[in-house]
Each structure stands twice: as C-alpha cells, then as structure tokens.
N, C-alpha and C. Protein backbone atom coordinates (compact mmCIF):
# COMPACT_ATOMS: atom_id res chain seq x y z
N MET A 1 20.03 -8.50 -8.71
CA MET A 1 18.73 -9.27 -8.53
C MET A 1 17.53 -8.55 -9.14
N LYS A 2 16.77 -9.25 -9.98
CA LYS A 2 15.55 -8.63 -10.59
C LYS A 2 14.37 -8.79 -9.71
N ILE A 3 13.82 -7.62 -9.34
CA ILE A 3 12.52 -7.62 -8.61
C ILE A 3 11.42 -7.17 -9.58
N VAL A 4 10.35 -7.87 -9.55
CA VAL A 4 9.14 -7.54 -10.35
C VAL A 4 8.05 -7.11 -9.37
N LEU A 5 7.49 -5.86 -9.64
CA LEU A 5 6.49 -5.42 -8.76
C LEU A 5 5.11 -5.73 -9.32
N ALA A 6 4.31 -6.35 -8.52
CA ALA A 6 2.98 -6.83 -9.00
C ALA A 6 1.95 -5.64 -8.67
N SER A 7 2.14 -4.50 -9.35
CA SER A 7 1.26 -3.42 -9.11
C SER A 7 1.25 -2.50 -10.39
N SER A 8 0.15 -1.82 -10.55
CA SER A 8 -0.06 -0.84 -11.65
C SER A 8 -0.37 0.51 -11.03
N ASN A 9 -0.42 0.55 -9.71
CA ASN A 9 -0.65 1.82 -8.98
C ASN A 9 0.59 2.71 -9.02
N LYS A 10 0.44 3.80 -9.79
CA LYS A 10 1.61 4.65 -10.01
C LYS A 10 2.24 5.20 -8.73
N GLY A 11 1.46 5.65 -7.75
CA GLY A 11 2.00 6.04 -6.42
C GLY A 11 2.73 5.02 -5.74
N LYS A 12 2.17 3.76 -5.66
CA LYS A 12 2.83 2.73 -5.02
C LYS A 12 4.22 2.30 -5.82
N LEU A 13 4.17 2.29 -7.12
CA LEU A 13 5.24 2.03 -7.91
C LEU A 13 6.44 3.00 -7.67
N LYS A 14 6.15 4.27 -7.60
CA LYS A 14 7.11 5.28 -7.37
C LYS A 14 7.75 5.02 -6.04
N GLU A 15 6.85 4.81 -5.02
CA GLU A 15 7.38 4.61 -3.66
C GLU A 15 8.26 3.34 -3.52
N LEU A 16 7.76 2.29 -4.11
CA LEU A 16 8.53 0.96 -4.01
C LEU A 16 9.87 1.05 -4.75
N LYS A 17 9.82 1.61 -6.02
CA LYS A 17 11.12 1.77 -6.75
C LYS A 17 12.13 2.66 -5.97
N ALA A 18 11.64 3.74 -5.37
CA ALA A 18 12.56 4.58 -4.68
C ALA A 18 13.15 3.84 -3.43
N TRP A 19 12.35 3.06 -2.72
CA TRP A 19 12.85 2.29 -1.58
C TRP A 19 13.71 1.12 -1.89
N MET A 20 13.51 0.51 -3.16
CA MET A 20 14.23 -0.76 -3.52
C MET A 20 15.40 -0.32 -4.44
N ASP A 21 15.97 0.91 -4.27
CA ASP A 21 16.91 1.40 -5.26
C ASP A 21 18.26 0.62 -5.38
N THR A 22 18.46 -0.30 -4.48
CA THR A 22 19.71 -1.16 -4.57
C THR A 22 19.38 -2.45 -5.44
N PHE A 23 18.26 -2.56 -5.79
CA PHE A 23 17.81 -3.74 -6.65
C PHE A 23 17.44 -3.31 -8.10
N GLU A 24 17.49 -4.23 -9.00
CA GLU A 24 16.93 -3.91 -10.39
C GLU A 24 15.44 -4.09 -10.29
N VAL A 25 14.67 -3.08 -10.37
CA VAL A 25 13.16 -3.18 -10.18
C VAL A 25 12.40 -2.82 -11.37
N TYR A 26 11.43 -3.66 -11.67
CA TYR A 26 10.50 -3.48 -12.85
C TYR A 26 9.05 -3.57 -12.43
N ALA A 27 8.21 -2.76 -13.00
CA ALA A 27 6.82 -2.96 -12.86
C ALA A 27 6.40 -4.20 -13.73
N PHE A 28 5.49 -5.07 -13.34
CA PHE A 28 5.23 -6.25 -14.16
C PHE A 28 4.73 -5.81 -15.52
N SER A 29 4.07 -4.69 -15.69
CA SER A 29 3.56 -4.22 -16.89
C SER A 29 4.68 -3.79 -17.99
N GLU A 30 5.92 -3.77 -17.37
CA GLU A 30 7.06 -3.42 -18.33
C GLU A 30 7.58 -4.74 -18.96
N LEU A 31 7.19 -5.93 -18.40
CA LEU A 31 7.62 -7.11 -18.84
C LEU A 31 6.64 -7.98 -19.60
N ILE A 32 5.37 -7.83 -19.12
CA ILE A 32 4.28 -8.62 -19.76
C ILE A 32 3.05 -7.77 -19.93
N GLU A 33 2.09 -8.27 -20.79
CA GLU A 33 0.90 -7.45 -20.89
C GLU A 33 0.16 -7.27 -19.59
N PRO A 34 -0.18 -6.08 -19.20
CA PRO A 34 -0.89 -5.93 -17.93
C PRO A 34 -2.24 -6.66 -17.91
N PHE A 35 -2.56 -7.18 -16.74
CA PHE A 35 -3.90 -7.86 -16.65
C PHE A 35 -4.49 -7.59 -15.22
N GLU A 36 -5.79 -7.79 -15.11
CA GLU A 36 -6.48 -7.44 -13.90
C GLU A 36 -6.29 -8.61 -12.92
N ILE A 37 -6.07 -8.35 -11.68
CA ILE A 37 -5.97 -9.41 -10.67
C ILE A 37 -7.04 -9.22 -9.63
N GLU A 38 -7.91 -10.11 -9.50
CA GLU A 38 -9.01 -9.97 -8.52
C GLU A 38 -8.53 -10.29 -7.11
N GLU A 39 -8.73 -9.30 -6.25
CA GLU A 39 -8.39 -9.47 -4.84
C GLU A 39 -9.51 -10.04 -4.10
N THR A 40 -9.52 -11.30 -3.91
CA THR A 40 -10.59 -12.05 -3.19
C THR A 40 -10.20 -12.45 -1.80
N GLY A 41 -9.15 -12.02 -1.27
CA GLY A 41 -8.70 -12.37 0.01
C GLY A 41 -9.50 -11.66 1.14
N ASN A 42 -9.29 -12.06 2.35
CA ASN A 42 -9.97 -11.56 3.54
C ASN A 42 -9.07 -10.72 4.39
N SER A 43 -7.81 -10.53 3.95
CA SER A 43 -6.82 -9.76 4.71
C SER A 43 -5.84 -9.19 3.74
N PHE A 44 -5.07 -8.14 4.20
CA PHE A 44 -4.02 -7.60 3.44
C PHE A 44 -3.03 -8.68 2.92
N LYS A 45 -2.65 -9.57 3.82
CA LYS A 45 -1.72 -10.68 3.55
C LYS A 45 -2.21 -11.53 2.41
N GLU A 46 -3.39 -11.93 2.50
CA GLU A 46 -3.99 -12.84 1.46
C GLU A 46 -4.06 -12.09 0.12
N ASN A 47 -4.46 -10.85 0.10
CA ASN A 47 -4.48 -10.15 -1.19
C ASN A 47 -3.13 -9.87 -1.71
N ALA A 48 -2.15 -9.59 -0.93
CA ALA A 48 -0.74 -9.43 -1.38
C ALA A 48 -0.22 -10.69 -1.98
N LEU A 49 -0.48 -11.75 -1.35
CA LEU A 49 -0.05 -13.10 -1.95
C LEU A 49 -0.76 -13.44 -3.22
N ILE A 50 -2.04 -13.14 -3.26
CA ILE A 50 -2.80 -13.45 -4.53
C ILE A 50 -2.17 -12.71 -5.68
N LYS A 51 -1.85 -11.43 -5.46
CA LYS A 51 -1.23 -10.65 -6.58
C LYS A 51 0.12 -11.03 -6.98
N ALA A 52 0.93 -11.34 -5.95
CA ALA A 52 2.35 -11.78 -6.27
C ALA A 52 2.35 -13.15 -6.99
N LYS A 53 1.50 -14.06 -6.49
CA LYS A 53 1.41 -15.40 -7.15
C LYS A 53 0.92 -15.32 -8.59
N ALA A 54 -0.06 -14.48 -8.82
CA ALA A 54 -0.59 -14.32 -10.13
C ALA A 54 0.42 -13.82 -11.14
N VAL A 55 1.26 -12.76 -10.72
CA VAL A 55 2.24 -12.25 -11.57
C VAL A 55 3.37 -13.23 -11.80
N TYR A 56 3.78 -13.96 -10.74
CA TYR A 56 4.82 -14.91 -10.83
C TYR A 56 4.46 -15.98 -11.87
N GLU A 57 3.25 -16.48 -11.77
CA GLU A 57 2.86 -17.51 -12.70
C GLU A 57 2.83 -16.97 -14.18
N ALA A 58 2.24 -15.74 -14.33
CA ALA A 58 2.10 -15.14 -15.65
C ALA A 58 3.49 -14.77 -16.25
N LEU A 59 4.50 -14.51 -15.47
CA LEU A 59 5.87 -14.24 -15.96
C LEU A 59 6.50 -15.41 -16.63
N ASN A 60 6.18 -16.61 -16.09
CA ASN A 60 6.77 -17.79 -16.58
C ASN A 60 8.29 -17.77 -16.59
N ASP A 61 8.82 -17.26 -15.50
CA ASP A 61 10.31 -17.12 -15.43
C ASP A 61 10.61 -17.48 -13.92
N GLU A 62 11.13 -18.74 -13.80
CA GLU A 62 11.38 -19.21 -12.41
C GLU A 62 12.38 -18.46 -11.67
N ASP A 63 13.22 -17.59 -12.33
CA ASP A 63 14.24 -16.80 -11.65
C ASP A 63 13.73 -15.52 -11.17
N ALA A 64 12.47 -15.21 -11.44
CA ALA A 64 11.88 -13.89 -11.13
C ALA A 64 11.52 -13.98 -9.66
N ILE A 65 11.71 -12.73 -9.06
CA ILE A 65 11.26 -12.58 -7.63
C ILE A 65 10.17 -11.48 -7.68
N VAL A 66 8.89 -11.89 -7.38
CA VAL A 66 7.84 -10.96 -7.52
C VAL A 66 7.43 -10.40 -6.09
N LEU A 67 7.25 -9.12 -6.01
CA LEU A 67 7.00 -8.44 -4.77
C LEU A 67 5.67 -7.67 -4.97
N SER A 68 4.82 -7.85 -4.08
CA SER A 68 3.47 -7.27 -4.10
C SER A 68 3.15 -6.65 -2.76
N ASP A 69 2.44 -5.49 -2.85
CA ASP A 69 1.98 -4.76 -1.70
C ASP A 69 0.50 -4.76 -1.61
N ASP A 70 -0.06 -4.98 -0.52
CA ASP A 70 -1.57 -4.68 -0.34
C ASP A 70 -1.61 -3.80 0.95
N SER A 71 -2.18 -2.66 0.78
CA SER A 71 -2.22 -1.77 2.00
C SER A 71 -3.43 -0.95 1.95
N GLY A 72 -3.70 -0.34 3.14
CA GLY A 72 -4.83 0.56 3.21
C GLY A 72 -4.95 1.11 4.56
N ILE A 73 -5.97 1.92 4.78
CA ILE A 73 -6.28 2.65 5.99
C ILE A 73 -7.43 2.02 6.64
N SER A 74 -7.34 1.94 7.97
CA SER A 74 -8.48 1.40 8.83
C SER A 74 -8.79 2.47 9.90
N VAL A 75 -10.03 2.70 9.96
CA VAL A 75 -10.53 3.75 10.96
C VAL A 75 -11.23 3.02 12.07
N ASP A 76 -10.69 3.07 13.30
CA ASP A 76 -11.18 2.36 14.43
C ASP A 76 -12.72 2.47 14.56
N VAL A 77 -13.21 3.70 14.62
CA VAL A 77 -14.62 4.01 14.94
C VAL A 77 -15.55 3.48 13.82
N LEU A 78 -15.01 3.15 12.63
CA LEU A 78 -15.76 2.61 11.58
C LEU A 78 -15.63 1.10 11.48
N GLY A 79 -15.16 0.54 12.56
CA GLY A 79 -15.02 -0.96 12.56
C GLY A 79 -13.93 -1.41 11.74
N GLY A 80 -12.92 -0.51 11.38
CA GLY A 80 -11.77 -0.99 10.52
C GLY A 80 -11.88 -0.62 9.09
N GLU A 81 -13.02 0.03 8.75
CA GLU A 81 -13.26 0.41 7.28
C GLU A 81 -12.29 1.65 6.97
N PRO A 82 -11.89 1.75 5.73
CA PRO A 82 -12.26 0.83 4.61
C PRO A 82 -11.35 -0.34 4.55
N GLY A 83 -10.21 -0.42 5.31
CA GLY A 83 -9.42 -1.66 5.42
C GLY A 83 -8.97 -2.23 4.06
N ILE A 84 -9.24 -3.53 3.84
CA ILE A 84 -8.75 -4.14 2.51
C ILE A 84 -9.51 -3.58 1.35
N TYR A 85 -10.62 -2.80 1.55
CA TYR A 85 -11.32 -2.21 0.43
C TYR A 85 -10.89 -0.77 0.23
N SER A 86 -9.80 -0.33 0.79
CA SER A 86 -9.37 1.09 0.63
C SER A 86 -9.22 1.54 -0.83
N ALA A 87 -8.73 0.74 -1.70
CA ALA A 87 -8.56 1.12 -3.07
C ALA A 87 -9.90 1.14 -3.85
N ARG A 88 -10.89 0.67 -3.29
CA ARG A 88 -12.21 0.65 -4.01
C ARG A 88 -13.36 1.02 -3.06
N TYR A 89 -13.01 1.81 -2.06
CA TYR A 89 -14.04 2.21 -1.08
C TYR A 89 -15.24 2.99 -1.64
N ALA A 90 -15.03 3.76 -2.65
CA ALA A 90 -16.08 4.55 -3.38
C ALA A 90 -16.68 3.69 -4.53
N GLY A 91 -16.25 2.47 -4.62
CA GLY A 91 -16.72 1.58 -5.70
C GLY A 91 -15.65 1.11 -6.64
N VAL A 92 -15.92 0.05 -7.37
CA VAL A 92 -14.93 -0.43 -8.32
C VAL A 92 -14.65 0.60 -9.42
N GLY A 93 -13.40 0.82 -9.68
CA GLY A 93 -13.07 1.82 -10.63
C GLY A 93 -12.92 3.24 -10.10
N ALA A 94 -13.27 3.39 -8.81
CA ALA A 94 -13.19 4.79 -8.20
C ALA A 94 -11.76 5.31 -8.28
N THR A 95 -11.66 6.59 -8.31
CA THR A 95 -10.30 7.19 -8.25
C THR A 95 -9.89 7.36 -6.78
N SER A 96 -8.52 7.62 -6.59
CA SER A 96 -8.04 7.84 -5.27
C SER A 96 -8.72 9.05 -4.67
N GLU A 97 -9.07 10.07 -5.42
CA GLU A 97 -9.71 11.22 -4.95
C GLU A 97 -11.17 10.88 -4.48
N GLN A 98 -11.80 10.10 -5.22
CA GLN A 98 -13.26 9.67 -4.92
C GLN A 98 -13.24 8.91 -3.59
N ASN A 99 -12.23 8.01 -3.45
CA ASN A 99 -12.11 7.14 -2.23
C ASN A 99 -11.85 8.07 -1.02
N LEU A 100 -10.87 9.07 -1.15
CA LEU A 100 -10.59 10.01 -0.13
C LEU A 100 -11.86 10.79 0.27
N GLN A 101 -12.55 11.26 -0.67
CA GLN A 101 -13.71 12.11 -0.39
C GLN A 101 -14.92 11.37 0.22
N LYS A 102 -14.97 10.04 -0.10
CA LYS A 102 -16.01 9.19 0.53
C LYS A 102 -15.60 9.05 2.01
N LEU A 103 -14.41 8.79 2.32
CA LEU A 103 -14.06 8.56 3.75
C LEU A 103 -14.18 9.81 4.53
N ILE A 104 -13.87 11.02 3.93
CA ILE A 104 -14.07 12.24 4.65
C ILE A 104 -15.57 12.48 4.89
N ALA A 105 -16.36 12.18 3.82
CA ALA A 105 -17.85 12.35 4.07
C ALA A 105 -18.37 11.39 5.10
N THR A 106 -17.83 10.23 5.16
CA THR A 106 -18.27 9.14 6.16
C THR A 106 -17.97 9.73 7.62
N LEU A 107 -16.73 10.28 7.79
CA LEU A 107 -16.37 10.85 9.08
C LEU A 107 -17.35 11.97 9.43
N LYS A 108 -17.49 12.88 8.48
CA LYS A 108 -18.38 14.06 8.73
C LYS A 108 -19.86 13.62 9.09
N SER A 109 -20.27 12.58 8.41
CA SER A 109 -21.66 12.08 8.70
C SER A 109 -21.84 11.56 10.15
N LYS A 110 -20.66 11.14 10.66
CA LYS A 110 -20.67 10.65 12.12
C LYS A 110 -20.29 11.82 13.08
N GLY A 111 -20.20 12.94 12.56
CA GLY A 111 -19.85 14.16 13.45
C GLY A 111 -18.46 14.18 13.93
N LEU A 112 -17.56 13.49 13.19
CA LEU A 112 -16.12 13.36 13.60
C LEU A 112 -15.25 14.32 12.80
N GLN A 113 -14.38 15.10 13.46
CA GLN A 113 -13.34 15.89 12.76
C GLN A 113 -12.04 15.25 12.73
N LYS A 114 -11.73 14.37 13.83
CA LYS A 114 -10.40 13.67 13.97
C LYS A 114 -10.80 12.41 14.73
N THR A 115 -10.16 11.28 14.26
CA THR A 115 -10.43 10.02 14.99
C THR A 115 -9.23 9.08 14.67
N LYS A 116 -9.02 8.05 15.60
CA LYS A 116 -7.88 7.18 15.56
C LYS A 116 -8.04 6.31 14.31
N ALA A 117 -6.89 6.11 13.57
CA ALA A 117 -6.83 5.30 12.41
C ALA A 117 -5.36 4.75 12.26
N HIS A 118 -5.22 3.83 11.43
CA HIS A 118 -3.89 3.25 11.09
C HIS A 118 -3.81 2.77 9.76
N TYR A 119 -2.58 2.85 9.16
CA TYR A 119 -2.31 2.19 7.90
C TYR A 119 -1.63 0.82 8.14
N THR A 120 -2.04 -0.11 7.23
CA THR A 120 -1.32 -1.42 7.19
C THR A 120 -0.72 -1.68 5.87
N ALA A 121 0.43 -2.19 5.81
CA ALA A 121 0.97 -2.68 4.55
C ALA A 121 1.46 -4.15 4.66
N ALA A 122 0.99 -5.01 3.80
CA ALA A 122 1.47 -6.37 3.70
C ALA A 122 2.34 -6.42 2.41
N ILE A 123 3.53 -6.90 2.58
CA ILE A 123 4.40 -7.12 1.39
C ILE A 123 4.66 -8.63 1.21
N ALA A 124 4.24 -9.09 0.04
CA ALA A 124 4.38 -10.46 -0.20
C ALA A 124 5.54 -10.67 -1.27
N ILE A 125 6.32 -11.74 -1.07
CA ILE A 125 7.33 -12.07 -2.00
C ILE A 125 7.11 -13.49 -2.43
N VAL A 126 7.05 -13.70 -3.78
CA VAL A 126 6.93 -15.07 -4.38
C VAL A 126 8.07 -15.41 -5.27
N CYS A 127 8.72 -16.49 -5.13
CA CYS A 127 9.80 -16.80 -5.94
C CYS A 127 9.94 -18.37 -5.93
N LYS A 128 10.97 -18.90 -6.69
CA LYS A 128 11.05 -20.40 -6.62
C LYS A 128 11.36 -20.99 -5.29
N LYS A 129 11.86 -20.10 -4.33
CA LYS A 129 12.17 -20.63 -3.01
C LYS A 129 11.01 -20.61 -2.02
N GLY A 130 9.86 -20.07 -2.45
CA GLY A 130 8.72 -20.05 -1.69
C GLY A 130 7.95 -18.75 -1.66
N GLU A 131 6.98 -18.65 -0.69
CA GLU A 131 6.13 -17.48 -0.48
C GLU A 131 6.40 -16.92 0.89
N PHE A 132 6.52 -15.58 0.97
CA PHE A 132 6.86 -14.96 2.23
C PHE A 132 5.96 -13.67 2.33
N CYS A 133 5.67 -13.25 3.56
CA CYS A 133 4.84 -12.07 3.69
C CYS A 133 5.23 -11.32 5.03
N VAL A 134 5.39 -10.09 4.97
CA VAL A 134 5.75 -9.20 6.14
C VAL A 134 4.73 -8.02 6.23
N HIS A 135 4.65 -7.42 7.37
CA HIS A 135 3.66 -6.37 7.63
C HIS A 135 4.43 -5.13 8.20
N GLY A 136 3.82 -3.95 7.98
CA GLY A 136 4.31 -2.80 8.60
C GLY A 136 3.06 -1.96 8.97
N TRP A 137 3.09 -1.14 10.01
CA TRP A 137 1.98 -0.39 10.44
C TRP A 137 2.32 1.08 10.71
N MET A 138 1.45 2.05 10.56
CA MET A 138 1.62 3.41 10.90
C MET A 138 0.28 3.86 11.60
N HIS A 139 0.44 4.35 12.84
CA HIS A 139 -0.75 4.74 13.57
C HIS A 139 -0.79 6.22 13.64
N GLY A 140 -2.04 6.73 13.80
CA GLY A 140 -2.27 8.15 13.84
C GLY A 140 -3.73 8.45 13.94
N ASN A 141 -4.14 9.60 13.31
CA ASN A 141 -5.48 10.05 13.20
C ASN A 141 -5.94 10.40 11.80
N ALA A 142 -7.19 10.11 11.48
CA ALA A 142 -7.75 10.50 10.32
C ALA A 142 -8.57 11.70 10.48
N LEU A 143 -8.48 12.62 9.55
CA LEU A 143 -9.23 13.91 9.65
C LEU A 143 -10.42 13.98 8.71
N ALA A 144 -11.39 14.72 9.00
CA ALA A 144 -12.50 14.96 8.14
C ALA A 144 -12.31 16.06 7.10
N GLN A 145 -11.11 16.13 6.69
CA GLN A 145 -10.65 17.16 5.68
C GLN A 145 -9.33 16.71 5.04
N ALA A 146 -9.10 17.17 3.78
CA ALA A 146 -7.81 16.93 3.15
C ALA A 146 -6.89 18.09 3.28
N ARG A 147 -5.60 17.82 3.61
CA ARG A 147 -4.67 18.86 3.66
C ARG A 147 -3.31 18.47 3.06
N GLY A 148 -2.82 19.30 2.07
CA GLY A 148 -1.63 19.02 1.48
C GLY A 148 -1.76 18.34 0.16
N GLU A 149 -0.63 18.42 -0.71
CA GLU A 149 -0.59 17.86 -2.02
C GLU A 149 0.34 16.69 -2.13
N ASN A 150 1.09 16.27 -1.14
CA ASN A 150 2.10 15.33 -1.33
C ASN A 150 1.39 13.89 -1.10
N GLY A 151 2.19 12.93 -1.43
CA GLY A 151 1.76 11.52 -1.25
C GLY A 151 0.61 11.12 -2.22
N PHE A 152 -0.24 10.17 -1.87
CA PHE A 152 -1.33 9.77 -2.73
C PHE A 152 -2.33 9.02 -1.84
N GLY A 153 -3.45 8.66 -2.41
CA GLY A 153 -4.48 7.97 -1.61
C GLY A 153 -5.10 8.83 -0.58
N TYR A 154 -5.01 8.18 0.65
CA TYR A 154 -5.65 8.91 1.85
C TYR A 154 -4.63 9.77 2.57
N ASP A 155 -3.45 9.94 2.04
CA ASP A 155 -2.38 10.66 2.70
C ASP A 155 -2.84 12.16 3.20
N PRO A 156 -3.56 12.87 2.42
CA PRO A 156 -3.94 14.22 2.80
C PRO A 156 -4.89 14.25 4.04
N MET A 157 -5.37 13.13 4.49
CA MET A 157 -6.29 13.21 5.62
C MET A 157 -5.64 12.45 6.82
N PHE A 158 -4.48 11.98 6.70
CA PHE A 158 -3.87 11.16 7.82
C PHE A 158 -2.74 11.84 8.47
N ILE A 159 -2.87 11.99 9.77
CA ILE A 159 -1.77 12.60 10.62
C ILE A 159 -1.10 11.47 11.41
N PRO A 160 0.21 11.15 11.17
CA PRO A 160 0.86 10.15 11.91
C PRO A 160 1.05 10.55 13.36
N LEU A 161 1.14 9.61 14.29
CA LEU A 161 1.38 9.87 15.63
C LEU A 161 2.68 10.66 15.81
N GLY A 162 2.64 11.76 16.68
CA GLY A 162 3.81 12.55 16.98
C GLY A 162 3.99 13.71 16.00
N PHE A 163 3.00 13.86 15.04
CA PHE A 163 3.10 14.95 14.09
C PHE A 163 1.79 15.73 14.18
N ASP A 164 1.96 16.95 13.58
CA ASP A 164 0.67 17.82 13.45
C ASP A 164 0.32 18.12 12.09
N LYS A 165 1.04 17.50 11.12
CA LYS A 165 0.78 17.70 9.68
C LYS A 165 0.32 16.33 9.11
N THR A 166 -0.46 16.44 8.06
CA THR A 166 -0.95 15.18 7.37
C THR A 166 0.27 14.68 6.57
N LEU A 167 0.20 13.47 6.04
CA LEU A 167 1.13 12.91 5.15
C LEU A 167 1.14 13.71 3.88
N GLY A 168 0.04 14.34 3.47
CA GLY A 168 -0.02 15.16 2.35
C GLY A 168 0.75 16.47 2.55
N GLU A 169 1.04 16.85 3.76
CA GLU A 169 1.73 18.14 4.08
C GLU A 169 3.24 17.90 4.36
N LEU A 170 3.53 16.64 4.81
CA LEU A 170 4.94 16.26 5.23
C LEU A 170 5.75 16.10 3.99
N ASP A 171 7.03 16.29 4.15
CA ASP A 171 8.05 16.15 3.08
C ASP A 171 8.15 14.65 2.78
N GLU A 172 8.36 14.27 1.53
CA GLU A 172 8.41 12.92 1.11
C GLU A 172 9.43 12.09 1.86
N SER A 173 10.55 12.74 2.25
CA SER A 173 11.64 12.09 3.01
C SER A 173 11.18 11.71 4.41
N VAL A 174 10.28 12.52 5.01
CA VAL A 174 9.74 12.25 6.29
C VAL A 174 8.82 11.04 6.17
N LYS A 175 7.95 11.10 5.21
CA LYS A 175 7.05 9.96 5.11
C LYS A 175 7.80 8.65 4.83
N LYS A 176 8.88 8.76 4.09
CA LYS A 176 9.65 7.51 3.77
C LYS A 176 10.15 6.87 5.02
N GLU A 177 10.48 7.70 6.05
CA GLU A 177 11.11 7.15 7.25
C GLU A 177 10.07 6.58 8.17
N LEU A 178 8.82 7.01 8.14
CA LEU A 178 7.85 6.44 9.09
C LEU A 178 6.65 5.70 8.56
N SER A 179 6.56 5.65 7.20
CA SER A 179 5.40 4.95 6.68
C SER A 179 5.29 3.50 6.92
N HIS A 180 4.05 2.98 6.86
CA HIS A 180 3.75 1.60 6.98
C HIS A 180 4.48 0.73 5.94
N ARG A 181 4.54 1.22 4.72
CA ARG A 181 5.13 0.54 3.65
C ARG A 181 6.61 0.48 3.83
N SER A 182 7.24 1.61 4.29
CA SER A 182 8.73 1.59 4.55
C SER A 182 9.01 0.56 5.59
N ARG A 183 8.21 0.50 6.63
CA ARG A 183 8.48 -0.60 7.72
C ARG A 183 8.41 -1.94 7.16
N ALA A 184 7.41 -2.25 6.36
CA ALA A 184 7.25 -3.51 5.77
C ALA A 184 8.43 -3.78 4.77
N LEU A 185 8.81 -2.77 3.99
CA LEU A 185 9.84 -2.94 3.04
C LEU A 185 11.25 -3.25 3.73
N GLU A 186 11.45 -2.64 4.90
CA GLU A 186 12.73 -2.99 5.64
C GLU A 186 12.74 -4.48 5.94
N LEU A 187 11.65 -4.96 6.37
CA LEU A 187 11.52 -6.40 6.70
C LEU A 187 11.68 -7.29 5.35
N ALA A 188 11.07 -6.79 4.31
CA ALA A 188 11.17 -7.49 2.99
C ALA A 188 12.58 -7.54 2.52
N LYS A 189 13.37 -6.52 2.74
CA LYS A 189 14.74 -6.41 2.32
C LYS A 189 15.54 -7.57 2.93
N ILE A 190 15.22 -7.86 4.14
CA ILE A 190 15.95 -8.79 4.98
C ILE A 190 15.74 -10.20 4.17
N ILE A 191 14.51 -10.48 3.82
CA ILE A 191 14.21 -11.71 3.09
C ILE A 191 14.91 -11.72 1.73
N LEU A 192 14.75 -10.60 1.01
CA LEU A 192 15.41 -10.63 -0.30
C LEU A 192 16.91 -10.77 -0.30
N LYS A 193 17.56 -10.23 0.78
CA LYS A 193 19.03 -10.56 0.84
C LYS A 193 19.34 -11.93 1.18
N THR A 194 18.45 -12.73 1.77
CA THR A 194 18.76 -14.12 2.03
C THR A 194 18.32 -15.03 0.86
N LEU A 195 17.67 -14.52 -0.10
CA LEU A 195 17.27 -15.36 -1.30
C LEU A 195 18.36 -15.54 -2.27
C-alpha cells in the first residue's frame, strides 16, 4: 500500500516514515512539485484535512492514500496558545527555533518557569473511499527553558507527565512510545488496514 505524506516538515517526515515502516511511504514532494498549502482551518482536524485533500487532488491518482498531520502545543495558562499556530507562532516563515524561543519568552514574561501544556496531533487520511481523521494527545508541562537536542519543534521545552526530562532529553524510542503523534498514528493504522 502506497502512503503519501502531505508534509514538507523534515522532523515530521522522519517521525512518520519511521512509524509507518510496514507501508510504502513517500513525501508528496517526491512525487509531484512541492506547493504551499494554506492552513485556513480553525482546528487541528480542519487543517489536517485541508492539507490531505490538497495533496490528494494534486496527485491526480485515485489509488493514492494521502496522510496528513496537523499538530502543535497548547499552553493552558495562555488560553491554548500557540495551538494551531504552533508552526508559525513567531510569524510566517519563522524557524522552529524562533517559535520555541518566542514561547519560552512568553512564559518568562508571565513569570512562569513551568506550566501545564499538552500536544495535540490530528492525522487525516484522504483516499477514494473517503476522508477520515483521528487524534492523539500528550499531556505534561512546558518549561521556560530549552533542554536537550533530541526531537524537533517545542520538544526541548516539554516534559511529558510521569517524566522529569524534556522530549529533547529523552531517547527517541521513549518519545515514540508516548507521543501524541504516535497515539494518533496507532489509530490511523487501524483505518489504513481496513482500506
């Protein structure tokens, strides 16, 4: 079964390919000219579906199964920010490091060193049999500092519940077991096996 990932985020691609290792997996940019997809949805689910539908239509291959992820971190005390804007929190075109530093600075400006937060991942699947979406969550705390070199995005500032290390400090195999994306992908695999 050929799965096409509707993402150009290198960190997400690496994670998704590793998790979907029993399938034939391609980034959409390996099959067609990459293009920008505007995320105009009001939720992780809406944005994941927008991306998956755009790539499915652009592929012009009715046998393709397109999988898309929209995910981010939400900090309770900030009213859920950055949420669906996690990838562009420091502005359009901002790097992951700039987004991370902006969130750290925001927490520091509120006098916070550690506060409740959670990651959300919405995985959308679009194919000739329909549109599907599943979710996964990982709860924990956001720190007003970055620790560790592993992972990507906000991982160096997030400590999952039950741990004392950030995702940036934890081994990749541990993160794979407990991450929001892993939980959503487990559910996505069930859908893929029925298609």
